[in-house]
Each structure stands twice: as structure tokens, then as C-alpha cells.
Amino acid sequence: TSKGELASMKHAVDASGRVLRDNVWGPQEEDAARRDFTVNA
């Protein structure tokens, strides 16, 4: 329903806080913090 809005966004969430866009590049240490589990990071 929000495809048009999301097209120009790099980081967006819906009303519940669920991430709909997450395409902001950063350093490795931040990338590790974003991963789910310690054994996969």
C-alpha cells in the first residue's frame, strides 16, 4: 500500500516499528550489531 512512498526511502518503518527499508551503508561494526544472532555475526 505504500510502494510509492517507499521507492525514494532508504530507511523506513511502518506504524508498528517493522522495518520496510534498510539500505543505509555503514562500517563493519554497525553491520555486525544489525545481525540477528551472535554465532551468525
PDB file of all heavy atoms in Angstrom:
ATOM      1  N   THR A   1       0.807  -1.222   0.000  1.00  0.00           N
ATOM      2  CA  THR A   1       0.000   0.000   0.000  1.00  0.00           C
ATOM      3  C   THR A   1       0.838   1.269   0.000  1.00  0.00           C
ATOM      4  O   THR A   1       0.347   2.330  -0.373  1.00  0.00           O
ATOM      5  CB  THR A   1      -0.945   0.012   1.224  1.00  0.00           C
ATOM      6  OG1 THR A   1      -0.155  -0.045   2.420  1.00  0.00           O
ATOM      7  CG2 THR A   1      -1.875  -1.191   1.190  1.00  0.00           C
ATOM      8  N   SER A   2       2.107   1.143   0.417  1.00  0.00           N
ATOM      9  CA  SER A   2       2.965   2.336   0.481  1.00  0.00           C
ATOM     10  C   SER A   2       4.129   2.253  -0.498  1.00  0.00           C
ATOM     11  O   SER A   2       5.171   2.874  -0.291  1.00  0.00           O
ATOM     12  CB  SER A   2       3.507   2.503   1.917  1.00  0.00           C
ATOM     13  OG  SER A   2       2.477   2.540   2.856  1.00  0.00           O
ATOM     14  N   LYS A   3       3.950   1.494  -1.563  1.00  0.00           N
ATOM     15  CA  LYS A   3       5.047   1.270  -2.506  1.00  0.00           C
ATOM     16  C   LYS A   3       5.584   2.582  -3.080  1.00  0.00           C
ATOM     17  O   LYS A   3       6.792   2.764  -3.245  1.00  0.00           O
ATOM     18  CB  LYS A   3       4.575   0.363  -3.641  1.00  0.00           C
ATOM     19  CG  LYS A   3       5.685  -0.067  -4.588  1.00  0.00           C
ATOM     20  CD  LYS A   3       5.159  -1.007  -5.664  1.00  0.00           C
ATOM     21  CE  LYS A   3       4.717  -2.321  -5.074  1.00  0.00           C
ATOM     22  NZ  LYS A   3       4.315  -3.289  -6.131  1.00  0.00           N
ATOM     23  N   GLY A   4       4.698   3.524  -3.396  1.00  0.00           N
ATOM     24  CA  GLY A   4       5.134   4.797  -3.970  1.00  0.00           C
ATOM     25  C   GLY A   4       5.998   5.594  -3.014  1.00  0.00           C
ATOM     26  O   GLY A   4       7.033   6.150  -3.406  1.00  0.00           O
ATOM     27  N   GLU A   5       5.602   5.646  -1.743  1.00  0.00           N
ATOM     28  CA  GLU A   5       6.388   6.370  -0.745  1.00  0.00           C
ATOM     29  C   GLU A   5       7.741   5.705  -0.521  1.00  0.00           C
ATOM     30  O   GLU A   5       8.776   6.376  -0.413  1.00  0.00           O
ATOM     31  CB  GLU A   5       5.636   6.418   0.584  1.00  0.00           C
ATOM     32  CG  GLU A   5       4.358   7.221   0.586  1.00  0.00           C
ATOM     33  CD  GLU A   5       3.700   7.176   1.944  1.00  0.00           C
ATOM     34  OE1 GLU A   5       4.201   7.850   2.868  1.00  0.00           O
ATOM     35  OE2 GLU A   5       2.703   6.442   2.105  1.00  0.00           O
ATOM     36  N   LEU A   6       7.750   4.395  -0.445  1.00  0.00           N
ATOM     37  CA  LEU A   6       8.965   3.663  -0.114  1.00  0.00           C
ATOM     38  C   LEU A   6      10.024   3.738  -1.209  1.00  0.00           C
ATOM     39  O   LEU A   6      11.210   3.543  -0.936  1.00  0.00           O
ATOM     40  CB  LEU A   6       8.632   2.194   0.164  1.00  0.00           C
ATOM     41  CG  LEU A   6       7.839   1.929   1.448  1.00  0.00           C
ATOM     42  CD1 LEU A   6       7.345   0.488   1.476  1.00  0.00           C
ATOM     43  CD2 LEU A   6       8.693   2.213   2.674  1.00  0.00           C
ATOM     44  N   ALA A   7       9.608   4.003  -2.424  1.00  0.00           N
ATOM     45  CA  ALA A   7      10.547   3.988  -3.554  1.00  0.00           C
ATOM     46  C   ALA A   7      11.720   4.939  -3.353  1.00  0.00           C
ATOM     47  O   ALA A   7      12.844   4.657  -3.787  1.00  0.00           O
ATOM     48  CB  ALA A   7       9.804   4.320  -4.846  1.00  0.00           C
ATOM     49  N   SER A   8      11.491   6.056  -2.692  1.00  0.00           N
ATOM     50  CA  SER A   8      12.555   7.054  -2.515  1.00  0.00           C
ATOM     51  C   SER A   8      13.192   7.003  -1.128  1.00  0.00           C
ATOM     52  O   SER A   8      14.016   7.855  -0.792  1.00  0.00           O
ATOM     53  CB  SER A   8      11.984   8.459  -2.764  1.00  0.00           C
ATOM     54  OG  SER A   8      10.928   8.730  -1.852  1.00  0.00           O
ATOM     55  N   MET A   9      12.808   6.019  -0.319  1.00  0.00           N
ATOM     56  CA  MET A   9      13.303   5.957   1.056  1.00  0.00           C
ATOM     57  C   MET A   9      14.410   4.922   1.194  1.00  0.00           C
ATOM     58  O   MET A   9      14.376   3.870   0.571  1.00  0.00           O
ATOM     59  CB  MET A   9      12.162   5.601   2.021  1.00  0.00           C
ATOM     60  CG  MET A   9      11.051   6.633   2.088  1.00  0.00           C
ATOM     61  SD  MET A   9       9.748   6.114   3.259  1.00  0.00           S
ATOM     62  CE  MET A   9       8.613   7.504   3.127  1.00  0.00           C
ATOM     63  N   LYS A  10      15.385   5.209   2.049  1.00  0.00           N
ATOM     64  CA  LYS A  10      16.452   4.269   2.362  1.00  0.00           C
ATOM     65  C   LYS A  10      16.230   3.569   3.699  1.00  0.00           C
ATOM     66  O   LYS A  10      16.697   2.456   3.908  1.00  0.00           O
ATOM     67  CB  LYS A  10      17.803   4.988   2.382  1.00  0.00           C
ATOM     68  CG  LYS A  10      18.269   5.453   1.004  1.00  0.00           C
ATOM     69  CD  LYS A  10      19.662   6.029   1.072  1.00  0.00           C
ATOM     70  CE  LYS A  10      20.178   6.392  -0.311  1.00  0.00           C
ATOM     71  NZ  LYS A  10      21.560   6.942  -0.260  1.00  0.00           N
ATOM     72  N   HIS A  11      15.551   4.263   4.621  1.00  0.00           N
ATOM     73  CA  HIS A  11      15.282   3.672   5.935  1.00  0.00           C
ATOM     74  C   HIS A  11      13.874   4.064   6.342  1.00  0.00           C
ATOM     75  O   HIS A  11      13.595   5.232   6.603  1.00  0.00           O
ATOM     76  CB  HIS A  11      16.295   4.167   6.968  1.00  0.00           C
ATOM     77  CG  HIS A  11      16.166   3.475   8.298  1.00  0.00           C
ATOM     78  ND1 HIS A  11      16.366   4.130   9.492  1.00  0.00           N
ATOM     79  CD2 HIS A  11      15.842   2.200   8.629  1.00  0.00           C
ATOM     80  CE1 HIS A  11      16.194   3.280  10.493  1.00  0.00           C
ATOM     81  NE2 HIS A  11      15.864   2.105   9.987  1.00  0.00           N
ATOM     82  N   ALA A  12      12.964   3.071   6.372  1.00  0.00           N
ATOM     83  CA  ALA A  12      11.570   3.359   6.676  1.00  0.00           C
ATOM     84  C   ALA A  12      10.977   2.234   7.509  1.00  0.00           C
ATOM     85  O   ALA A  12      11.366   1.073   7.397  1.00  0.00           O
ATOM     86  CB  ALA A  12      10.770   3.524   5.378  1.00  0.00           C
ATOM     87  N   VAL A  13      10.024   2.601   8.378  1.00  0.00           N
ATOM     88  CA  VAL A  13       9.315   1.628   9.209  1.00  0.00           C
ATOM     89  C   VAL A  13       7.822   1.873   9.077  1.00  0.00           C
ATOM     90  O   VAL A  13       7.381   2.955   8.669  1.00  0.00           O
ATOM     91  CB  VAL A  13       9.742   1.734  10.689  1.00  0.00           C
ATOM     92  CG1 VAL A  13      11.213   1.425  10.856  1.00  0.00           C
ATOM     93  CG2 VAL A  13       9.418   3.122  11.248  1.00  0.00           C
ATOM     94  N   ASP A  14       7.028   0.843   9.441  1.00  0.00           N
ATOM     95  CA  ASP A  14       5.583   1.042   9.480  1.00  0.00           C
ATOM     96  C   ASP A  14       5.170   1.472  10.882  1.00  0.00           C
ATOM     97  O   ASP A  14       6.017   1.716  11.751  1.00  0.00           O
ATOM     98  CB  ASP A  14       4.840  -0.215   9.021  1.00  0.00           C
ATOM     99  CG  ASP A  14       5.030  -1.399   9.974  1.00  0.00           C
ATOM    100  OD1 ASP A  14       5.597  -1.205  11.075  1.00  0.00           O
ATOM    101  OD2 ASP A  14       4.624  -2.515   9.611  1.00  0.00           O
ATOM    102  N   ALA A  15       3.877   1.551  11.128  1.00  0.00           N
ATOM    103  CA  ALA A  15       3.384   2.076  12.403  1.00  0.00           C
ATOM    104  C   ALA A  15       3.779   1.210  13.593  1.00  0.00           C
ATOM    105  O   ALA A  15       3.900   1.704  14.712  1.00  0.00           O
ATOM    106  CB  ALA A  15       1.863   2.218  12.341  1.00  0.00           C
ATOM    107  N   SER A  16       3.992  -0.092  13.370  1.00  0.00           N
ATOM    108  CA  SER A  16       4.363  -0.985  14.469  1.00  0.00           C
ATOM    109  C   SER A  16       5.863  -1.006  14.738  1.00  0.00           C
ATOM    110  O   SER A  16       6.315  -1.649  15.679  1.00  0.00           O
ATOM    111  CB  SER A  16       3.885  -2.416  14.165  1.00  0.00           C
ATOM    112  OG  SER A  16       4.623  -2.965  13.082  1.00  0.00           O
ATOM    113  N   GLY A  17       6.641  -0.319  13.905  1.00  0.00           N
ATOM    114  CA  GLY A  17       8.091  -0.316  14.061  1.00  0.00           C
ATOM    115  C   GLY A  17       8.797  -1.339  13.199  1.00  0.00           C
ATOM    116  O   GLY A  17      10.024  -1.474  13.261  1.00  0.00           O
ATOM    117  N   ARG A  18       8.037  -2.076  12.361  1.00  0.00           N
ATOM    118  CA  ARG A  18       8.639  -3.070  11.479  1.00  0.00           C
ATOM    119  C   ARG A  18       9.393  -2.362  10.352  1.00  0.00           C
ATOM    120  O   ARG A  18       8.864  -1.464   9.698  1.00  0.00           O
ATOM    121  CB  ARG A  18       7.560  -3.986  10.898  1.00  0.00           C
ATOM    122  CG  ARG A  18       8.086  -5.069   9.991  1.00  0.00           C
ATOM    123  CD  ARG A  18       6.986  -6.103   9.730  1.00  0.00           C
ATOM    124  NE  ARG A  18       5.858  -5.508   9.040  1.00  0.00           N
ATOM    125  CZ  ARG A  18       5.688  -5.545   7.715  1.00  0.00           C
ATOM    126  NH1 ARG A  18       6.591  -6.134   6.964  1.00  0.00           N
ATOM    127  NH2 ARG A  18       4.622  -5.005   7.170  1.00  0.00           N
ATOM    128  N   VAL A  19      10.630  -2.800  10.103  1.00  0.00           N
ATOM    129  CA  VAL A  19      11.472  -2.161   9.095  1.00  0.00           C
ATOM    130  C   VAL A  19      11.012  -2.559   7.697  1.00  0.00           C
ATOM    131  O   VAL A  19      10.922  -3.745   7.374  1.00  0.00           O
ATOM    132  CB  VAL A  19      12.950  -2.554   9.292  1.00  0.00           C
ATOM    133  CG1 VAL A  19      13.822  -1.892   8.227  1.00  0.00           C
ATOM    134  CG2 VAL A  19      13.428  -2.142  10.687  1.00  0.00           C
ATOM    135  N   LEU A  20      10.719  -1.552   6.865  1.00  0.00           N
ATOM    136  CA  LEU A  20      10.302  -1.795   5.486  1.00  0.00           C
ATOM    137  C   LEU A  20      11.418  -1.502   4.491  1.00  0.00           C
ATOM    138  O   LEU A  20      11.421  -2.051   3.381  1.00  0.00           O
ATOM    139  CB  LEU A  20       9.079  -0.933   5.143  1.00  0.00           C
ATOM    140  CG  LEU A  20       7.835  -1.124   6.035  1.00  0.00           C
ATOM    141  CD1 LEU A  20       6.704  -0.231   5.546  1.00  0.00           C
ATOM    142  CD2 LEU A  20       7.400  -2.578   6.060  1.00  0.00           C
ATOM    143  N   ARG A  21      12.333  -0.634   4.863  1.00  0.00           N
ATOM    144  CA  ARG A  21      13.508  -0.334   4.038  1.00  0.00           C
ATOM    145  C   ARG A  21      14.702  -0.175   4.959  1.00  0.00           C
ATOM    146  O   ARG A  21      14.609   0.446   6.009  1.00  0.00           O
ATOM    147  CB  ARG A  21      13.318   0.963   3.219  1.00  0.00           C
ATOM    148  CG  ARG A  21      12.354   0.855   2.065  1.00  0.00           C
ATOM    149  CD  ARG A  21      12.918   0.006   0.939  1.00  0.00           C
ATOM    150  NE  ARG A  21      12.056   0.006  -0.224  1.00  0.00           N
ATOM    151  CZ  ARG A  21      11.015  -0.795  -0.400  1.00  0.00           C
ATOM    152  NH1 ARG A  21      10.704  -1.655   0.574  1.00  0.00           N
ATOM    153  NH2 ARG A  21      10.288  -0.747  -1.485  1.00  0.00           N
ATOM    154  N   ASP A  22      15.839  -0.760   4.538  1.00  0.00           N
ATOM    155  CA  ASP A  22      17.047  -0.660   5.364  1.00  0.00           C
ATOM    156  C   ASP A  22      18.250  -0.739   4.436  1.00  0.00           C
ATOM    157  O   ASP A  22      18.934  -1.755   4.381  1.00  0.00           O
ATOM    158  CB  ASP A  22      17.066  -1.781   6.397  1.00  0.00           C
ATOM    159  CG  ASP A  22      18.132  -1.556   7.460  1.00  0.00           C
ATOM    160  OD1 ASP A  22      18.876  -0.572   7.351  1.00  0.00           O
ATOM    161  OD2 ASP A  22      18.221  -2.380   8.384  1.00  0.00           O
ATOM    162  N   ASN A  23      18.509   0.333   3.729  1.00  0.00           N
ATOM    163  CA  ASN A  23      19.591   0.352   2.742  1.00  0.00           C
ATOM    164  C   ASN A  23      20.509   1.544   2.961  1.00  0.00           C
ATOM    165  O   ASN A  23      20.840   2.286   2.036  1.00  0.00           O
ATOM    166  CB  ASN A  23      19.003   0.385   1.329  1.00  0.00           C
ATOM    167  CG  ASN A  23      18.319  -0.928   0.964  1.00  0.00           C
ATOM    168  OD1 ASN A  23      18.942  -1.979   0.986  1.00  0.00           O
ATOM    169  ND2 ASN A  23      17.035  -0.867   0.667  1.00  0.00           N
ATOM    170  N   VAL A  24      20.928   1.720   4.219  1.00  0.00           N
ATOM    171  CA  VAL A  24      21.886   2.760   4.570  1.00  0.00           C
ATOM    172  C   VAL A  24      23.201   2.069   4.888  1.00  0.00           C
ATOM    173  O   VAL A  24      23.271   1.244   5.791  1.00  0.00           O
ATOM    174  CB  VAL A  24      21.407   3.587   5.780  1.00  0.00           C
ATOM    175  CG1 VAL A  24      22.413   4.698   6.091  1.00  0.00           C
ATOM    176  CG2 VAL A  24      20.029   4.172   5.514  1.00  0.00           C
ATOM    177  N   TRP A  25      24.245   2.393   4.126  1.00  0.00           N
ATOM    178  CA  TRP A  25      25.521   1.692   4.274  1.00  0.00           C
ATOM    179  C   TRP A  25      26.328   2.283   5.428  1.00  0.00           C
ATOM    180  O   TRP A  25      26.240   3.466   5.743  1.00  0.00           O
ATOM    181  CB  TRP A  25      26.327   1.758   2.980  1.00  0.00           C
ATOM    182  CG  TRP A  25      25.517   1.571   1.733  1.00  0.00           C
ATOM    183  CD1 TRP A  25      25.520   2.355   0.612  1.00  0.00           C
ATOM    184  CD2 TRP A  25      24.569   0.523   1.464  1.00  0.00           C
ATOM    185  NE1 TRP A  25      24.655   1.871  -0.323  1.00  0.00           N
ATOM    186  CE2 TRP A  25      24.051   0.744   0.167  1.00  0.00           C
ATOM    187  CE3 TRP A  25      24.098  -0.569   2.196  1.00  0.00           C
ATOM    188  CZ2 TRP A  25      23.098  -0.082  -0.408  1.00  0.00           C
ATOM    189  CZ3 TRP A  25      23.145  -1.401   1.631  1.00  0.00           C
ATOM    190  CH2 TRP A  25      22.654  -1.156   0.342  1.00  0.00           C
ATOM    191  N   GLY A  26      27.125   1.421   6.090  1.00  0.00           N
ATOM    192  CA  GLY A  26      27.900   1.873   7.234  1.00  0.00           C
ATOM    193  C   GLY A  26      29.123   1.011   7.457  1.00  0.00           C
ATOM    194  O   GLY A  26      29.460   0.148   6.632  1.00  0.00           O
ATOM    195  N   PRO A  27      29.789   1.153   8.597  1.00  0.00           N
ATOM    196  CA  PRO A  27      31.015   0.399   8.890  1.00  0.00           C
ATOM    197  C   PRO A  27      30.689  -1.028   9.342  1.00  0.00           C
ATOM    198  O   PRO A  27      29.552  -1.349   9.702  1.00  0.00           O
ATOM    199  CB  PRO A  27      31.667   1.198  10.008  1.00  0.00           C
ATOM    200  CG  PRO A  27      30.521   1.882  10.695  1.00  0.00           C
ATOM    201  CD  PRO A  27      29.524   2.193   9.619  1.00  0.00           C
ATOM    202  N   GLN A  28      31.722  -1.865   9.367  1.00  0.00           N
ATOM    203  CA  GLN A  28      31.540  -3.271   9.720  1.00  0.00           C
ATOM    204  C   GLN A  28      30.991  -3.451  11.127  1.00  0.00           C
ATOM    205  O   GLN A  28      30.141  -4.324  11.364  1.00  0.00           O
ATOM    206  CB  GLN A  28      32.871  -4.007   9.571  1.00  0.00           C
ATOM    207  CG  GLN A  28      32.764  -5.515   9.783  1.00  0.00           C
ATOM    208  CD  GLN A  28      34.125  -6.187   9.762  1.00  0.00           C
ATOM    209  OE1 GLN A  28      35.058  -5.746  10.420  1.00  0.00           O
ATOM    210  NE2 GLN A  28      34.244  -7.248   8.977  1.00  0.00           N
ATOM    211  N   GLU A  29      31.444  -2.650  12.087  1.00  0.00           N
ATOM    212  CA  GLU A  29      30.997  -2.829  13.470  1.00  0.00           C
ATOM    213  C   GLU A  29      29.494  -2.608  13.593  1.00  0.00           C
ATOM    214  O   GLU A  29      28.812  -3.280  14.383  1.00  0.00           O
ATOM    215  CB  GLU A  29      31.752  -1.886  14.403  1.00  0.00           C
ATOM    216  CG  GLU A  29      31.525  -0.403  14.122  1.00  0.00           C
ATOM    217  CD  GLU A  29      32.260   0.490  15.102  1.00  0.00           C
ATOM    218  OE1 GLU A  29      33.055  -0.039  15.895  1.00  0.00           O
ATOM    219  OE2 GLU A  29      32.029   1.717  15.067  1.00  0.00           O
ATOM    220  N   GLU A  30      28.932  -1.670  12.813  1.00  0.00           N
ATOM    221  CA  GLU A  30      27.493  -1.443  12.841  1.00  0.00           C
ATOM    222  C   GLU A  30      26.754  -2.557  12.109  1.00  0.00           C
ATOM    223  O   GLU A  30      25.652  -2.946  12.507  1.00  0.00           O
ATOM    224  CB  GLU A  30      27.163  -0.078  12.245  1.00  0.00           C
ATOM    225  CG  GLU A  30      27.726   1.088  13.056  1.00  0.00           C
ATOM    226  CD  GLU A  30      27.233   2.438  12.563  1.00  0.00           C
ATOM    227  OE1 GLU A  30      26.189   2.476  11.876  1.00  0.00           O
ATOM    228  OE2 GLU A  30      27.885   3.456  12.865  1.00  0.00           O
ATOM    229  N   ASP A  31      27.357  -3.070  11.064  1.00  0.00           N
ATOM    230  CA  ASP A  31      26.760  -4.187  10.338  1.00  0.00           C
ATOM    231  C   ASP A  31      26.641  -5.409  11.247  1.00  0.00           C
ATOM    232  O   ASP A  31      25.630  -6.127  11.231  1.00  0.00           O
ATOM    233  CB  ASP A  31      27.613  -4.528   9.114  1.00  0.00           C
ATOM    234  CG  ASP A  31      27.004  -5.613   8.254  1.00  0.00           C
ATOM    235  OD1 ASP A  31      26.031  -5.334   7.530  1.00  0.00           O
ATOM    236  OD2 ASP A  31      27.497  -6.760   8.304  1.00  0.00           O
ATOM    237  N   ALA A  32      27.645  -5.643  12.069  1.00  0.00           N
ATOM    238  CA  ALA A  32      27.615  -6.777  12.991  1.00  0.00           C
ATOM    239  C   ALA A  32      26.493  -6.621  14.009  1.00  0.00           C
ATOM    240  O   ALA A  32      25.804  -7.591  14.347  1.00  0.00           O
ATOM    241  CB  ALA A  32      28.966  -6.911  13.699  1.00  0.00           C
ATOM    242  N   ALA A  33      26.279  -5.401  14.504  1.00  0.00           N
ATOM    243  CA  ALA A  33      25.240  -5.154  15.502  1.00  0.00           C
ATOM    244  C   ALA A  33      23.845  -5.362  14.922  1.00  0.00           C
ATOM    245  O   ALA A  33      22.892  -5.648  15.653  1.00  0.00           O
ATOM    246  CB  ALA A  33      25.373  -3.739  16.059  1.00  0.00           C
ATOM    247  N   ARG A  34      23.711  -5.222  13.624  1.00  0.00           N
ATOM    248  CA  ARG A  34      22.408  -5.389  12.964  1.00  0.00           C
ATOM    249  C   ARG A  34      22.030  -6.855  12.775  1.00  0.00           C
ATOM    250  O   ARG A  34      20.868  -7.169  12.534  1.00  0.00           O
ATOM    251  CB  ARG A  34      22.430  -4.736  11.582  1.00  0.00           C
ATOM    252  CG  ARG A  34      22.426  -3.227  11.572  1.00  0.00           C
ATOM    253  CD  ARG A  34      22.315  -2.734  10.157  1.00  0.00           C
ATOM    254  NE  ARG A  34      21.067  -3.191   9.549  1.00  0.00           N
ATOM    255  CZ  ARG A  34      20.946  -4.281   8.799  1.00  0.00           C
ATOM    256  NH1 ARG A  34      21.983  -5.035   8.553  1.00  0.00           N
ATOM    257  NH2 ARG A  34      19.781  -4.620   8.296  1.00  0.00           N
ATOM    258  N   ARG A  35      22.998  -7.753  12.838  1.00  0.00           N
ATOM    259  CA  ARG A  35      22.712  -9.164  12.566  1.00  0.00           C
ATOM    260  C   ARG A  35      21.967  -9.795  13.741  1.00  0.00           C
ATOM    261  O   ARG A  35      22.021  -9.304  14.862  1.00  0.00           O
ATOM    262  CB  ARG A  35      24.004  -9.909  12.233  1.00  0.00           C
ATOM    263  CG  ARG A  35      24.624  -9.359  10.955  1.00  0.00           C
ATOM    264  CD  ARG A  35      25.835 -10.097  10.474  1.00  0.00           C
ATOM    265  NE  ARG A  35      26.287  -9.519   9.208  1.00  0.00           N
ATOM    266  CZ  ARG A  35      25.861  -9.900   8.013  1.00  0.00           C
ATOM    267  NH1 ARG A  35      25.018 -10.910   7.905  1.00  0.00           N
ATOM    268  NH2 ARG A  35      26.308  -9.304   6.929  1.00  0.00           N
ATOM    269  N   ASP A  36      21.294 -10.915  13.459  1.00  0.00           N
ATOM    270  CA  ASP A  36      20.364 -11.475  14.438  1.00  0.00           C
ATOM    271  C   ASP A  36      21.056 -12.100  15.636  1.00  0.00           C
ATOM    272  O   ASP A  36      20.817 -11.720  16.782  1.00  0.00           O
ATOM    273  CB  ASP A  36      19.485 -12.545  13.763  1.00  0.00           C
ATOM    274  CG  ASP A  36      18.598 -11.949  12.687  1.00  0.00           C
ATOM    275  OD1 ASP A  36      18.460 -10.721  12.660  1.00  0.00           O
ATOM    276  OD2 ASP A  36      18.060 -12.712  11.875  1.00  0.00           O
ATOM    277  N   PHE A  37      21.902 -13.088  15.380  1.00  0.00           N
ATOM    278  CA  PHE A  37      22.466 -13.905  16.454  1.00  0.00           C
ATOM    279  C   PHE A  37      23.980 -13.786  16.491  1.00  0.00           C
ATOM    280  O   PHE A  37      24.631 -13.626  15.457  1.00  0.00           O
ATOM    281  CB  PHE A  37      22.063 -15.373  16.267  1.00  0.00           C
ATOM    282  CG  PHE A  37      20.572 -15.568  16.191  1.00  0.00           C
ATOM    283  CD1 PHE A  37      19.936 -15.706  14.971  1.00  0.00           C
ATOM    284  CD2 PHE A  37      19.803 -15.573  17.342  1.00  0.00           C
ATOM    285  CE1 PHE A  37      18.561 -15.867  14.890  1.00  0.00           C
ATOM    286  CE2 PHE A  37      18.433 -15.733  17.280  1.00  0.00           C
ATOM    287  CZ  PHE A  37      17.805 -15.876  16.046  1.00  0.00           C
ATOM    288  N   THR A  38      24.527 -13.914  17.682  1.00  0.00           N
ATOM    289  CA  THR A  38      25.968 -13.740  17.844  1.00  0.00           C
ATOM    290  C   THR A  38      26.759 -14.754  17.012  1.00  0.00           C
ATOM    291  O   THR A  38      27.809 -14.415  16.464  1.00  0.00           O
ATOM    292  CB  THR A  38      26.356 -13.891  19.328  1.00  0.00           C
ATOM    293  OG1 THR A  38      25.953 -15.198  19.796  1.00  0.00           O
ATOM    294  CG2 THR A  38      25.687 -12.836  20.186  1.00  0.00           C
ATOM    295  N   VAL A  39      26.264 -15.984  16.902  1.00  0.00           N
ATOM    296  CA  VAL A  39      27.015 -17.007  16.159  1.00  0.00           C
ATOM    297  C   VAL A  39      26.910 -16.795  14.651  1.00  0.00           C
ATOM    298  O   VAL A  39      27.610 -17.466  13.881  1.00  0.00           O
ATOM    299  CB  VAL A  39      26.521 -18.426  16.514  1.00  0.00           C
ATOM    300  CG1 VAL A  39      26.852 -18.760  17.949  1.00  0.00           C
ATOM    301  CG2 VAL A  39      25.025 -18.587  16.231  1.00  0.00           C
ATOM    302  N   ASN A  40      26.048 -15.850  14.226  1.00  0.00           N
ATOM    303  CA  ASN A  40      25.927 -15.529  12.797  1.00  0.00           C
ATOM    304  C   ASN A  40      26.504 -14.152  12.479  1.00  0.00           C
ATOM    305  O   ASN A  40      26.295 -13.629  11.379  1.00  0.00           O
ATOM    306  CB  ASN A  40      24.462 -15.565  12.357  1.00  0.00           C
ATOM    307  CG  ASN A  40      23.882 -16.961  12.381  1.00  0.00           C
ATOM    308  OD1 ASN A  40      24.623 -17.934  12.412  1.00  0.00           O
ATOM    309  ND2 ASN A  40      22.570 -17.059  12.380  1.00  0.00           N
ATOM    310  N   ALA A  41      27.201 -13.555  13.424  1.00  0.00           N
ATOM    311  CA  ALA A  41      27.691 -12.189  13.244  1.00  0.00           C
ATOM    312  C   ALA A  41      29.211 -12.127  13.219  1.00  0.00           C
ATOM    313  O   ALA A  41      29.815 -11.142  13.644  1.00  0.00           O
ATOM    314  CB  ALA A  41      27.148 -11.295  14.365  1.00  0.00           C
TER     315      ALA A  41
END
